[in-house]
C-alpha atoms as a PDB file:
ATOM      1  CA  MET A   1      -1.073 -12.760   0.176  1.00  0.00           C
ATOM      2  CA  ARG A   2       0.085  -9.339  -0.305  1.00  0.00           C
ATOM      3  CA  LEU A   3       0.885  -7.434   3.315  1.00  0.00           C
ATOM      4  CA  ARG A   4      -1.790  -4.779   2.444  1.00  0.00           C
ATOM      5  CA  THR A   5      -4.575  -7.391   2.102  1.00  0.00           C
ATOM      6  CA  LEU A   6      -3.236  -9.080   5.158  1.00  0.00           C
ATOM      7  CA  ARG A   7      -3.674  -5.809   7.210  1.00  0.00           C
ATOM      8  CA  THR A   8      -6.936  -5.373   5.811  1.00  0.00           C
ATOM      9  CA  VAL A   9      -8.314  -8.682   6.772  1.00  0.00           C
ATOM     10  CA  VAL A  10      -6.861  -8.199  10.230  1.00  0.00           C
ATOM     11  CA  GLY A  11      -8.278  -4.748  10.791  1.00  0.00           C
ATOM     12  CA  ALA A  12     -11.756  -6.226   9.791  1.00  0.00           C
ATOM     13  CA  ASN A  13     -11.137  -9.319  12.221  1.00  0.00           C
ATOM     14  CA  SER A  14     -10.065  -6.845  14.833  1.00  0.00           C
ATOM     15  CA  VAL A  15     -13.159  -4.704  14.560  1.00  0.00           C
ATOM     16  CA  VAL A  16     -15.557  -7.941  14.540  1.00  0.00           C
ATOM     17  CA  ALA A  17     -13.563  -9.005  17.646  1.00  0.00           C
ATOM     18  CA  ILE A  18     -13.840  -5.952  19.723  1.00  0.00           C
ATOM     19  CA  ALA A  19     -17.885  -5.764  18.661  1.00  0.00           C
ATOM     20  CA  GLY A  20     -18.124  -9.282  19.594  1.00  0.00           C
ATOM     21  CA  MET A  21     -16.497  -8.758  22.967  1.00  0.00           C
ATOM     22  CA  ILE A  22     -18.515  -5.763  23.707  1.00  0.00           C
ATOM     23  CA  ILE A  23     -21.999  -7.481  22.589  1.00  0.00           C
ATOM     24  CA  SER A  24     -21.001 -10.594  24.702  1.00  0.00           C
ATOM     25  CA  ALA A  25     -19.937  -8.425  27.711  1.00  0.00           C
ATOM     26  CA  ILE A  26     -23.204  -6.880  27.803  1.00  0.00           C
ATOM     27  CA  LEU A  27     -25.146 -10.198  27.490  1.00  0.00           C
ATOM     28  CA  ASN A  28     -22.852 -11.451  30.429  1.00  0.00           C
ATOM     29  CA  HIS A  29     -21.434 -14.509  28.214  1.00  0.00           C
ATOM     30  CA  ILE A  30     -17.865 -14.228  29.761  1.00  0.00           C
ATOM     31  CA  GLY A  31     -16.814 -17.369  27.535  1.00  0.00           C
ATOM     32  CA  SER A  32     -17.588 -15.499  24.391  1.00  0.00           C
ATOM     33  CA  VAL A  33     -15.812 -12.411  25.455  1.00  0.00           C
ATOM     34  CA  ILE A  34     -12.514 -14.354  26.103  1.00  0.00           C
ATOM     35  CA  ALA A  35     -13.217 -16.296  22.692  1.00  0.00           C
ATOM     36  CA  PHE A  36     -13.581 -13.069  20.664  1.00  0.00           C
ATOM     37  CA  GLY A  37     -10.449 -11.620  22.519  1.00  0.00           C
ATOM     38  CA  SER A  38      -8.446 -14.469  21.727  1.00  0.00           C
ATOM     39  CA  ILE A  39      -9.301 -14.428  18.221  1.00  0.00           C
ATOM     40  CA  GLY A  40      -8.457 -10.728  17.851  1.00  0.00           C
ATOM     41  CA  ALA A  41      -5.222 -11.042  19.562  1.00  0.00           C
ATOM     42  CA  ILE A  42      -4.289 -14.168  17.317  1.00  0.00           C
ATOM     43  CA  GLY A  43      -5.049 -12.002  14.270  1.00  0.00           C
ATOM     44  CA  ILE A  44      -2.804  -9.161  15.431  1.00  0.00           C
ATOM     45  CA  LEU A  45      -0.024 -11.371  16.339  1.00  0.00           C
ATOM     46  CA  VAL A  46      -0.093 -13.188  12.862  1.00  0.00           C
ATOM     47  CA  MET A  47       0.174  -9.561  11.443  1.00  0.00           C
ATOM     48  CA  ILE A  48       3.106  -8.604  13.554  1.00  0.00           C
ATOM     49  CA  ALA A  49       4.947 -11.547  12.459  1.00  0.00           C
ATOM     50  CA  SER A  50       4.047 -11.205   8.661  1.00  0.00           C
ATOM     51  CA  THR A  51       5.121  -7.727   8.805  1.00  0.00           C
ATOM     52  CA  THR A  52       8.550  -8.472  10.504  1.00  0.00           C
ATOM     53  CA  THR A  53       9.198 -11.566   8.393  1.00  0.00           C
ATOM     54  CA  ASN A  54       8.416  -9.492   5.150  1.00  0.00           C
ATOM     55  CA  ALA A  55      10.561  -6.471   6.306  1.00  0.00           C
ATOM     56  CA  ASP A  56      13.594  -8.701   7.346  1.00  0.00           C
ATOM     57  CA  SER A  57      13.372 -10.538   3.842  1.00  0.00           C
ATOM     58  CA  LYS A  58      13.445  -6.976   1.813  1.00  0.00           C
ATOM     59  CA  SER A  59      16.128  -5.924   3.793  1.00  0.00           C
ATOM     60  CA  HIS A  60      18.125  -9.136   3.097  1.00  0.00           C
ATOM     61  CA  ALA A  61      17.104  -9.394  -0.521  1.00  0.00           C
ATOM     62  CA  SER A  62      19.319  -6.592  -2.072  1.00  0.00           C
ATOM     63  CA  GLY A  63      22.947  -7.065  -1.731  1.00  0.00           C
ATOM     64  CA  ASP A  64      24.250  -3.716  -0.763  1.00  0.00           C
ATOM     65  CA  ASP A  65      21.722  -0.930   0.535  1.00  0.00           C
ATOM     66  CA  SER A  66      24.390   1.284   1.769  1.00  0.00           C
ATOM     67  CA  ILE A  67      25.456   2.852  -1.653  1.00  0.00           C
ATOM     68  CA  SER A  68      26.070   6.685  -1.434  1.00  0.00           C
ATOM     69  CA  GLY A  69      24.905   9.188  -4.249  1.00  0.00           C
ATOM     70  CA  ASP A  70      28.671   9.819  -4.821  1.00  0.00           C
ATOM     71  CA  GLU A  71      29.375   6.137  -5.328  1.00  0.00           C
ATOM     72  CA  LEU A  72      26.475   5.861  -7.729  1.00  0.00           C
ATOM     73  CA  GLU A  73      27.356   8.605 -10.016  1.00  0.00           C
ATOM     74  CA  ALA A  74      30.970   6.986  -9.988  1.00  0.00           C
ATOM     75  CA  GLU A  75      29.570   3.556 -11.187  1.00  0.00           C
ATOM     76  CA  VAL A  76      27.555   5.315 -13.721  1.00  0.00           C
ATOM     77  CA  ALA A  77      30.320   6.965 -14.976  1.00  0.00           C
ATOM     78  CA  HIS A  78      32.476   3.920 -15.046  1.00  0.00           C
ATOM     79  CA  LEU A  79      29.880   1.985 -16.904  1.00  0.00           C
ATOM     80  CA  VAL A  80      29.401   4.853 -19.506  1.00  0.00           C
ATOM     81  CA  THR A  81      33.381   5.092 -20.308  1.00  0.00           C
ATOM     82  CA  LYS A  82      34.031   1.339 -19.870  1.00  0.00           C
ATOM     83  CA  TYR A  83      30.953  -0.152 -22.196  1.00  0.00           C
ATOM     84  CA  ALA A  84      30.485   3.047 -24.200  1.00  0.00           C
ATOM     85  CA  VAL A  85      26.683   2.782 -23.482  1.00  0.00           C
ATOM     86  CA  PRO A  86      24.697   6.302 -23.676  1.00  0.00           C
ATOM     87  CA  GLU A  87      24.540   7.898 -20.177  1.00  0.00           C
ATOM     88  CA  GLU A  88      20.912   8.839 -20.486  1.00  0.00           C
ATOM     89  CA  GLU A  89      19.883   5.404 -21.131  1.00  0.00           C
ATOM     90  CA  VAL A  90      21.961   4.467 -17.734  1.00  0.00           C
ATOM     91  CA  ARG A  91      20.131   7.020 -15.960  1.00  0.00           C
ATOM     92  CA  GLY A  92      16.722   6.285 -17.203  1.00  0.00           C
ATOM     93  CA  LEU A  93      17.199   2.647 -16.162  1.00  0.00           C
ATOM     94  CA  ILE A  94      18.281   3.779 -12.592  1.00  0.00           C
ATOM     95  CA  ARG A  95      15.260   6.028 -12.521  1.00  0.00           C
ATOM     96  CA  ARG A  96      12.828   3.232 -13.518  1.00  0.00           C
ATOM     97  CA  SER A  97      14.251   0.643 -10.969  1.00  0.00           C
ATOM     98  CA  VAL A  98      13.867   3.328  -7.933  1.00  0.00           C
ATOM     99  CA  THR A  99      10.296   3.938  -9.072  1.00  0.00           C
ATOM    100  CA  LEU A 100       9.736   0.050  -9.381  1.00  0.00           C
ATOM    101  CA  ALA A 101      11.411  -0.192  -5.615  1.00  0.00           C
ATOM    102  CA  ARG A 102       9.100   2.534  -4.444  1.00  0.00           C
ATOM    103  CA  LYS A 103       5.921   1.063  -6.014  1.00  0.00           C
ATOM    104  CA  ASN A 104       6.607  -2.592  -4.668  1.00  0.00           C
ATOM    105  CA  SER A 105       7.553  -1.355  -0.961  1.00  0.00           C
END
């Protein structure tokens, strides 16, 4: 399940839980208030855990996230001279990978 979908489901769960707690409190059903509150709290804890896990896995997915612009330029220059590939193709590939990374995050 995508994180965006999980957030939507947990948000809807929270709205229902809050409404259930309010209605149960008005009707003086304390057990129902506790049940709705527990369901809402568990949903939020699941969302927090999945968000943390997803953020940790993304940060460890790539080998080196600390590359600077100057280092990237040096690597592009090295690839272009060593393997005789067109520089525009290399830069286009970098642009597409950045766009893909932004779209997936």
